[in-house]
N, C-alpha and C. Protein backbone atom coordinates (compact mmCIF):
# COMPACT_ATOMS: atom_id res chain seq x y z
N MET A 1 -106.88 -83.43 115.31
CA MET A 1 -107.44 -84.73 115.54
C MET A 1 -108.77 -84.87 114.83
N LYS A 2 -109.58 -83.82 114.86
CA LYS A 2 -110.87 -83.87 114.21
C LYS A 2 -110.71 -84.05 112.70
N GLN A 3 -109.66 -83.50 112.18
CA GLN A 3 -109.42 -83.61 110.74
C GLN A 3 -109.09 -85.05 110.36
N VAL A 4 -108.35 -85.75 111.21
CA VAL A 4 -107.98 -87.13 110.95
C VAL A 4 -109.22 -88.01 110.99
N ILE A 5 -110.10 -87.76 111.95
CA ILE A 5 -111.31 -88.56 112.06
C ILE A 5 -112.20 -88.30 110.86
N ALA A 6 -112.29 -87.05 110.43
CA ALA A 6 -113.13 -86.72 109.27
C ALA A 6 -112.57 -87.35 108.00
N PHE A 7 -111.31 -87.35 107.87
CA PHE A 7 -110.68 -87.97 106.69
C PHE A 7 -110.89 -89.47 106.69
N SER A 8 -110.78 -90.08 107.87
CA SER A 8 -110.97 -91.53 107.99
C SER A 8 -112.39 -91.91 107.64
N LEU A 9 -113.35 -91.16 108.11
CA LEU A 9 -114.75 -91.43 107.79
C LEU A 9 -115.01 -91.24 106.31
N LEU A 10 -114.44 -90.24 105.73
CA LEU A 10 -114.60 -90.00 104.29
C LEU A 10 -113.99 -91.13 103.47
N ALA A 11 -112.82 -91.61 103.86
CA ALA A 11 -112.14 -92.69 103.16
C ALA A 11 -112.93 -93.99 103.27
N LEU A 12 -113.56 -94.24 104.43
CA LEU A 12 -114.34 -95.46 104.61
C LEU A 12 -115.64 -95.43 103.83
N SER A 13 -116.17 -94.26 103.59
CA SER A 13 -117.45 -94.16 102.90
C SER A 13 -117.32 -94.33 101.39
N LEU A 14 -116.12 -94.19 100.82
CA LEU A 14 -115.93 -94.35 99.38
C LEU A 14 -115.87 -95.82 99.02
N ASP A 15 -116.48 -96.17 97.89
CA ASP A 15 -116.42 -97.55 97.43
C ASP A 15 -115.05 -97.83 96.83
N ALA A 16 -114.50 -98.95 97.19
CA ALA A 16 -113.20 -99.35 96.65
C ALA A 16 -113.45 -100.28 95.47
N THR A 17 -112.77 -99.98 94.34
CA THR A 17 -112.89 -100.85 93.17
C THR A 17 -111.52 -101.42 92.86
N ALA A 18 -111.54 -102.66 92.45
CA ALA A 18 -110.29 -103.32 92.12
C ALA A 18 -110.55 -104.24 90.93
N SER A 19 -109.49 -104.52 90.21
CA SER A 19 -109.63 -105.45 89.09
C SER A 19 -108.50 -106.46 89.18
N GLU A 20 -108.65 -107.49 88.42
CA GLU A 20 -107.65 -108.54 88.42
C GLU A 20 -106.38 -108.05 87.73
N LEU A 21 -105.23 -108.34 88.30
CA LEU A 21 -103.95 -107.98 87.69
C LEU A 21 -103.60 -109.04 86.66
N VAL A 22 -103.31 -108.60 85.46
CA VAL A 22 -102.94 -109.52 84.38
C VAL A 22 -101.54 -109.16 83.91
N TYR A 23 -100.65 -110.16 83.92
CA TYR A 23 -99.29 -109.92 83.46
C TYR A 23 -99.27 -109.89 81.94
N GLN A 24 -98.70 -108.87 81.37
CA GLN A 24 -98.55 -108.76 79.92
C GLN A 24 -97.06 -108.67 79.63
N PRO A 25 -96.47 -109.73 79.02
CA PRO A 25 -95.03 -109.68 78.74
C PRO A 25 -94.71 -108.62 77.68
N VAL A 26 -93.50 -108.09 77.76
CA VAL A 26 -93.04 -107.08 76.80
C VAL A 26 -92.25 -107.73 75.68
N ASN A 27 -91.40 -108.67 76.02
CA ASN A 27 -90.52 -109.32 75.05
C ASN A 27 -91.34 -110.23 74.14
N PRO A 28 -91.22 -110.07 72.80
CA PRO A 28 -91.99 -110.92 71.89
C PRO A 28 -91.58 -112.39 71.95
N ASN A 29 -90.39 -112.68 72.46
CA ASN A 29 -89.98 -114.09 72.60
C ASN A 29 -90.81 -114.81 73.66
N PHE A 30 -91.40 -114.05 74.57
CA PHE A 30 -92.16 -114.65 75.66
C PHE A 30 -93.64 -114.29 75.56
N GLY A 31 -94.12 -114.02 74.36
CA GLY A 31 -95.54 -113.77 74.16
C GLY A 31 -95.93 -112.31 74.12
N GLY A 32 -94.97 -111.42 74.13
CA GLY A 32 -95.29 -110.00 74.07
C GLY A 32 -95.61 -109.56 72.65
N ASN A 33 -95.90 -108.30 72.51
CA ASN A 33 -96.26 -107.73 71.22
C ASN A 33 -95.06 -107.80 70.27
N PRO A 34 -95.23 -108.37 69.06
CA PRO A 34 -94.10 -108.47 68.13
C PRO A 34 -93.56 -107.12 67.68
N LEU A 35 -94.34 -106.07 67.82
CA LEU A 35 -93.87 -104.75 67.42
C LEU A 35 -92.82 -104.19 68.40
N ASN A 36 -92.66 -104.82 69.55
CA ASN A 36 -91.65 -104.39 70.51
C ASN A 36 -90.25 -104.90 70.15
N GLY A 37 -90.16 -105.82 69.20
CA GLY A 37 -88.89 -106.45 68.88
C GLY A 37 -87.81 -105.48 68.46
N ASN A 38 -88.11 -104.60 67.52
CA ASN A 38 -87.10 -103.64 67.04
C ASN A 38 -86.67 -102.69 68.14
N TYR A 39 -87.62 -102.27 68.97
CA TYR A 39 -87.29 -101.36 70.06
C TYR A 39 -86.34 -102.04 71.06
N LEU A 40 -86.65 -103.29 71.42
CA LEU A 40 -85.80 -104.00 72.37
C LEU A 40 -84.42 -104.29 71.79
N LEU A 41 -84.37 -104.67 70.50
CA LEU A 41 -83.08 -104.93 69.86
C LEU A 41 -82.24 -103.66 69.79
N GLY A 42 -82.87 -102.55 69.46
CA GLY A 42 -82.14 -101.28 69.41
C GLY A 42 -81.56 -100.91 70.76
N ASN A 43 -82.34 -101.11 71.82
CA ASN A 43 -81.82 -100.83 73.17
C ASN A 43 -80.66 -101.73 73.52
N ALA A 44 -80.78 -103.00 73.18
CA ALA A 44 -79.70 -103.95 73.49
C ALA A 44 -78.43 -103.60 72.74
N GLN A 45 -78.56 -103.24 71.48
CA GLN A 45 -77.38 -102.89 70.69
C GLN A 45 -76.76 -101.59 71.17
N ALA A 46 -77.57 -100.66 71.63
CA ALA A 46 -77.04 -99.40 72.14
C ALA A 46 -76.24 -99.61 73.42
N GLN A 47 -76.61 -100.60 74.21
CA GLN A 47 -75.92 -100.86 75.46
C GLN A 47 -74.71 -101.77 75.28
N ASN A 48 -74.61 -102.45 74.15
CA ASN A 48 -73.54 -103.41 73.92
C ASN A 48 -72.24 -102.67 73.60
N ASP A 49 -71.26 -102.80 74.46
CA ASP A 49 -69.97 -102.17 74.21
C ASP A 49 -68.88 -103.21 73.93
N TYR A 50 -69.29 -104.46 73.66
CA TYR A 50 -68.33 -105.52 73.38
C TYR A 50 -67.75 -105.35 71.98
N LYS A 51 -66.47 -105.45 71.86
CA LYS A 51 -65.79 -105.39 70.57
C LYS A 51 -65.11 -106.73 70.33
N ASP A 52 -65.39 -107.34 69.20
CA ASP A 52 -64.81 -108.64 68.87
C ASP A 52 -63.31 -108.46 68.60
N PRO A 53 -62.46 -109.13 69.36
CA PRO A 53 -61.01 -108.95 69.15
C PRO A 53 -60.54 -109.58 67.84
N ASP A 54 -61.31 -110.53 67.30
CA ASP A 54 -60.91 -111.19 66.06
C ASP A 54 -61.44 -110.49 64.82
N ALA A 55 -62.27 -109.48 65.01
CA ALA A 55 -62.87 -108.79 63.87
C ALA A 55 -61.81 -107.98 63.13
N THR A 56 -61.88 -108.03 61.82
CA THR A 56 -60.95 -107.24 61.02
C THR A 56 -61.67 -106.01 60.51
N THR A 57 -60.94 -104.97 60.37
CA THR A 57 -61.53 -103.74 59.87
C THR A 57 -61.46 -103.73 58.35
N TYR A 58 -62.46 -103.15 57.74
CA TYR A 58 -62.52 -103.07 56.29
C TYR A 58 -61.59 -101.98 55.80
N GLU A 59 -60.77 -102.34 54.82
CA GLU A 59 -59.90 -101.35 54.20
C GLU A 59 -60.37 -101.15 52.78
N ARG A 60 -60.63 -99.92 52.44
CA ARG A 60 -61.12 -99.58 51.11
C ARG A 60 -60.01 -99.85 50.09
N PRO A 61 -60.36 -100.57 49.00
CA PRO A 61 -59.33 -100.83 47.99
C PRO A 61 -58.91 -99.54 47.30
N SER A 62 -57.66 -99.52 46.88
CA SER A 62 -57.16 -98.34 46.18
C SER A 62 -57.78 -98.26 44.79
N ASP A 63 -57.62 -97.13 44.16
CA ASP A 63 -58.16 -96.96 42.81
C ASP A 63 -57.54 -97.95 41.83
N LEU A 64 -56.25 -98.22 41.99
CA LEU A 64 -55.57 -99.17 41.12
C LEU A 64 -56.12 -100.59 41.31
N GLU A 65 -56.37 -100.97 42.56
CA GLU A 65 -56.94 -102.30 42.83
C GLU A 65 -58.35 -102.42 42.26
N ARG A 66 -59.13 -101.37 42.38
CA ARG A 66 -60.49 -101.39 41.82
C ARG A 66 -60.45 -101.48 40.31
N LEU A 67 -59.53 -100.76 39.67
CA LEU A 67 -59.40 -100.81 38.22
C LEU A 67 -58.99 -102.20 37.77
N ALA A 68 -58.01 -102.79 38.46
CA ALA A 68 -57.56 -104.14 38.11
C ALA A 68 -58.68 -105.15 38.28
N SER A 69 -59.45 -105.04 39.34
CA SER A 69 -60.57 -105.95 39.58
C SER A 69 -61.64 -105.79 38.51
N SER A 70 -61.94 -104.57 38.15
CA SER A 70 -62.94 -104.31 37.11
C SER A 70 -62.48 -104.84 35.76
N LEU A 71 -61.23 -104.62 35.43
CA LEU A 71 -60.67 -105.11 34.16
C LEU A 71 -60.66 -106.64 34.13
N GLN A 72 -60.25 -107.25 35.24
CA GLN A 72 -60.25 -108.71 35.32
C GLN A 72 -61.66 -109.26 35.14
N SER A 73 -62.62 -108.64 35.76
CA SER A 73 -64.01 -109.09 35.64
C SER A 73 -64.50 -108.95 34.20
N ARG A 74 -64.15 -107.86 33.55
CA ARG A 74 -64.57 -107.63 32.17
C ARG A 74 -63.94 -108.65 31.23
N LEU A 75 -62.63 -108.91 31.40
CA LEU A 75 -61.95 -109.89 30.54
C LEU A 75 -62.49 -111.30 30.75
N LEU A 76 -62.77 -111.64 31.99
CA LEU A 76 -63.33 -112.95 32.28
C LEU A 76 -64.72 -113.09 31.67
N SER A 77 -65.50 -112.05 31.76
CA SER A 77 -66.84 -112.06 31.16
C SER A 77 -66.76 -112.23 29.65
N GLN A 78 -65.83 -111.51 29.01
CA GLN A 78 -65.67 -111.63 27.55
C GLN A 78 -65.20 -113.03 27.17
N LEU A 79 -64.28 -113.58 27.94
CA LEU A 79 -63.77 -114.92 27.65
C LEU A 79 -64.89 -115.96 27.75
N LEU A 80 -65.70 -115.86 28.78
CA LEU A 80 -66.79 -116.81 28.94
C LEU A 80 -67.90 -116.61 27.92
N SER A 81 -68.12 -115.39 27.47
CA SER A 81 -69.13 -115.20 26.42
C SER A 81 -68.63 -115.74 25.08
N ASP A 82 -67.32 -115.77 24.88
CA ASP A 82 -66.76 -116.35 23.66
C ASP A 82 -66.90 -117.87 23.64
N VAL A 83 -67.11 -118.49 24.80
CA VAL A 83 -67.31 -119.93 24.85
C VAL A 83 -68.55 -120.31 24.04
N GLY A 84 -69.57 -119.50 24.10
CA GLY A 84 -70.79 -119.77 23.34
C GLY A 84 -70.56 -119.76 21.85
N ASP A 85 -69.54 -119.07 21.40
CA ASP A 85 -69.23 -119.03 19.97
C ASP A 85 -68.23 -120.12 19.58
N GLY A 86 -67.82 -120.94 20.55
CA GLY A 86 -66.88 -122.02 20.28
C GLY A 86 -65.44 -121.56 20.15
N GLN A 87 -65.11 -120.40 20.69
CA GLN A 87 -63.76 -119.87 20.58
C GLN A 87 -62.90 -120.30 21.76
N GLU A 88 -61.60 -120.39 21.52
CA GLU A 88 -60.64 -120.72 22.57
C GLU A 88 -60.10 -119.45 23.19
N GLY A 89 -59.46 -119.60 24.35
CA GLY A 89 -58.83 -118.46 24.99
C GLY A 89 -58.34 -118.83 26.37
N SER A 90 -57.65 -117.91 27.01
CA SER A 90 -57.16 -118.16 28.37
C SER A 90 -57.00 -116.84 29.10
N ILE A 91 -57.02 -116.94 30.43
CA ILE A 91 -56.78 -115.78 31.29
C ILE A 91 -56.09 -116.28 32.55
N VAL A 92 -55.12 -115.51 33.03
CA VAL A 92 -54.39 -115.85 34.26
C VAL A 92 -54.49 -114.66 35.19
N THR A 93 -54.90 -114.91 36.43
CA THR A 93 -54.97 -113.87 37.45
C THR A 93 -54.03 -114.26 38.58
N ASP A 94 -54.06 -113.49 39.66
CA ASP A 94 -53.23 -113.82 40.82
C ASP A 94 -53.69 -115.10 41.50
N ASP A 95 -54.99 -115.42 41.38
CA ASP A 95 -55.55 -116.54 42.12
C ASP A 95 -55.79 -117.79 41.28
N PHE A 96 -56.10 -117.62 40.00
CA PHE A 96 -56.46 -118.77 39.19
C PHE A 96 -56.07 -118.57 37.73
N SER A 97 -56.12 -119.68 37.01
CA SER A 97 -55.84 -119.67 35.58
C SER A 97 -56.97 -120.40 34.88
N ILE A 98 -57.49 -119.82 33.81
CA ILE A 98 -58.57 -120.45 33.03
C ILE A 98 -58.08 -120.62 31.60
N ASN A 99 -58.17 -121.86 31.10
CA ASN A 99 -57.82 -122.17 29.71
C ASN A 99 -59.03 -122.80 29.05
N ILE A 100 -59.42 -122.28 27.91
CA ILE A 100 -60.53 -122.82 27.15
C ILE A 100 -59.96 -123.32 25.83
N VAL A 101 -60.07 -124.63 25.61
CA VAL A 101 -59.51 -125.25 24.41
C VAL A 101 -60.55 -126.17 23.79
N ASN A 102 -60.37 -126.45 22.48
CA ASN A 102 -61.24 -127.43 21.83
C ASN A 102 -61.00 -128.80 22.43
N ASN A 103 -62.10 -129.54 22.66
CA ASN A 103 -61.90 -130.88 23.21
C ASN A 103 -61.56 -131.86 22.09
N ASP A 104 -61.25 -133.07 22.47
CA ASP A 104 -60.77 -134.07 21.52
C ASP A 104 -61.80 -134.42 20.45
N SER A 105 -63.09 -134.38 20.78
CA SER A 105 -64.11 -134.77 19.80
C SER A 105 -64.32 -133.69 18.74
N GLY A 106 -63.90 -132.47 19.01
CA GLY A 106 -63.99 -131.41 18.03
C GLY A 106 -65.33 -130.70 17.98
N ASP A 107 -66.33 -131.17 18.72
CA ASP A 107 -67.63 -130.50 18.70
C ASP A 107 -67.92 -129.76 20.00
N GLY A 108 -66.92 -129.50 20.81
CA GLY A 108 -67.12 -128.80 22.07
C GLY A 108 -65.83 -128.23 22.59
N LEU A 109 -65.92 -127.73 23.81
CA LEU A 109 -64.76 -127.11 24.44
C LEU A 109 -64.50 -127.74 25.80
N SER A 110 -63.25 -127.67 26.22
CA SER A 110 -62.86 -128.05 27.57
C SER A 110 -62.39 -126.80 28.28
N ILE A 111 -62.97 -126.56 29.46
CA ILE A 111 -62.59 -125.41 30.27
C ILE A 111 -61.78 -125.95 31.44
N LEU A 112 -60.52 -125.54 31.52
CA LEU A 112 -59.63 -125.98 32.58
C LEU A 112 -59.41 -124.81 33.55
N ILE A 113 -59.79 -125.00 34.81
CA ILE A 113 -59.64 -123.97 35.83
C ILE A 113 -58.64 -124.48 36.85
N GLN A 114 -57.55 -123.73 37.06
CA GLN A 114 -56.52 -124.14 38.00
C GLN A 114 -56.41 -123.11 39.11
N ASP A 115 -56.52 -123.58 40.34
CA ASP A 115 -56.30 -122.73 41.50
C ASP A 115 -54.78 -122.64 41.70
N LEU A 116 -54.21 -121.46 41.53
CA LEU A 116 -52.76 -121.31 41.58
C LEU A 116 -52.20 -121.49 42.99
N ALA A 117 -53.01 -121.25 44.02
CA ALA A 117 -52.52 -121.40 45.39
C ALA A 117 -52.39 -122.86 45.78
N SER A 118 -53.39 -123.68 45.42
CA SER A 118 -53.36 -125.09 45.83
C SER A 118 -52.94 -126.02 44.70
N GLY A 119 -52.99 -125.56 43.46
CA GLY A 119 -52.65 -126.40 42.32
C GLY A 119 -53.80 -127.30 41.87
N GLU A 120 -54.96 -127.18 42.50
CA GLU A 120 -56.13 -127.99 42.16
C GLU A 120 -56.66 -127.58 40.78
N VAL A 121 -56.99 -128.58 39.96
CA VAL A 121 -57.48 -128.33 38.60
C VAL A 121 -58.89 -128.88 38.46
N THR A 122 -59.77 -128.09 37.88
CA THR A 122 -61.14 -128.51 37.58
C THR A 122 -61.34 -128.43 36.08
N GLN A 123 -61.94 -129.46 35.51
CA GLN A 123 -62.18 -129.49 34.06
C GLN A 123 -63.68 -129.55 33.82
N ILE A 124 -64.15 -128.68 32.93
CA ILE A 124 -65.56 -128.66 32.53
C ILE A 124 -65.59 -128.87 31.03
N ASP A 125 -66.32 -129.91 30.59
CA ASP A 125 -66.46 -130.18 29.17
C ASP A 125 -67.81 -129.67 28.70
N VAL A 126 -67.78 -128.87 27.63
CA VAL A 126 -68.99 -128.33 27.03
C VAL A 126 -69.09 -128.90 25.63
N ASP A 127 -70.09 -129.76 25.40
CA ASP A 127 -70.27 -130.40 24.10
C ASP A 127 -71.45 -129.78 23.37
N GLY A 128 -71.47 -129.96 22.06
CA GLY A 128 -72.59 -129.54 21.23
C GLY A 128 -72.60 -128.08 20.87
N LEU A 129 -71.49 -127.40 21.01
CA LEU A 129 -71.44 -125.99 20.63
C LEU A 129 -71.28 -125.89 19.12
N VAL A 130 -72.14 -125.13 18.52
CA VAL A 130 -72.04 -124.89 17.09
C VAL A 130 -71.86 -123.39 16.91
N PRO A 131 -70.69 -122.96 16.48
CA PRO A 131 -70.46 -121.52 16.33
C PRO A 131 -71.37 -120.95 15.25
N ASP A 132 -71.77 -119.69 15.48
CA ASP A 132 -72.60 -119.00 14.49
C ASP A 132 -71.80 -118.76 13.23
N THR A 133 -72.37 -119.11 12.12
CA THR A 133 -71.72 -118.84 10.82
C THR A 133 -72.65 -117.97 10.01
N PHE A 134 -72.12 -116.92 9.48
CA PHE A 134 -72.94 -115.99 8.69
C PHE A 134 -72.44 -115.94 7.28
């Protein structure tokens, strides 16, 4: 009992200090430190176990598909660079067809692009091309 009284007297003799409680938000959306954003996003993504049922998985193209795509890109690039020289040409792929022909005025080219799936045709006229002559 004497110990309890001594402790009580000791506790009463100490000065109590207190300060004002200030709320500091953590989330940067509500005024918190912007440096917390990546940490909070990482935590949220780590807890997210939702899988989108409509999401498709990526399938790596085969070597043959990559070669065909690369070759198609190269041929298309060469065909379009030949437009600057005033040359004609055409290329047909699985998705579209491009025909480059001299236009009726004779000083330019007409580029005809046809979407093979829908049959839609786009025409681009390029006038004023003067081929390099050496």
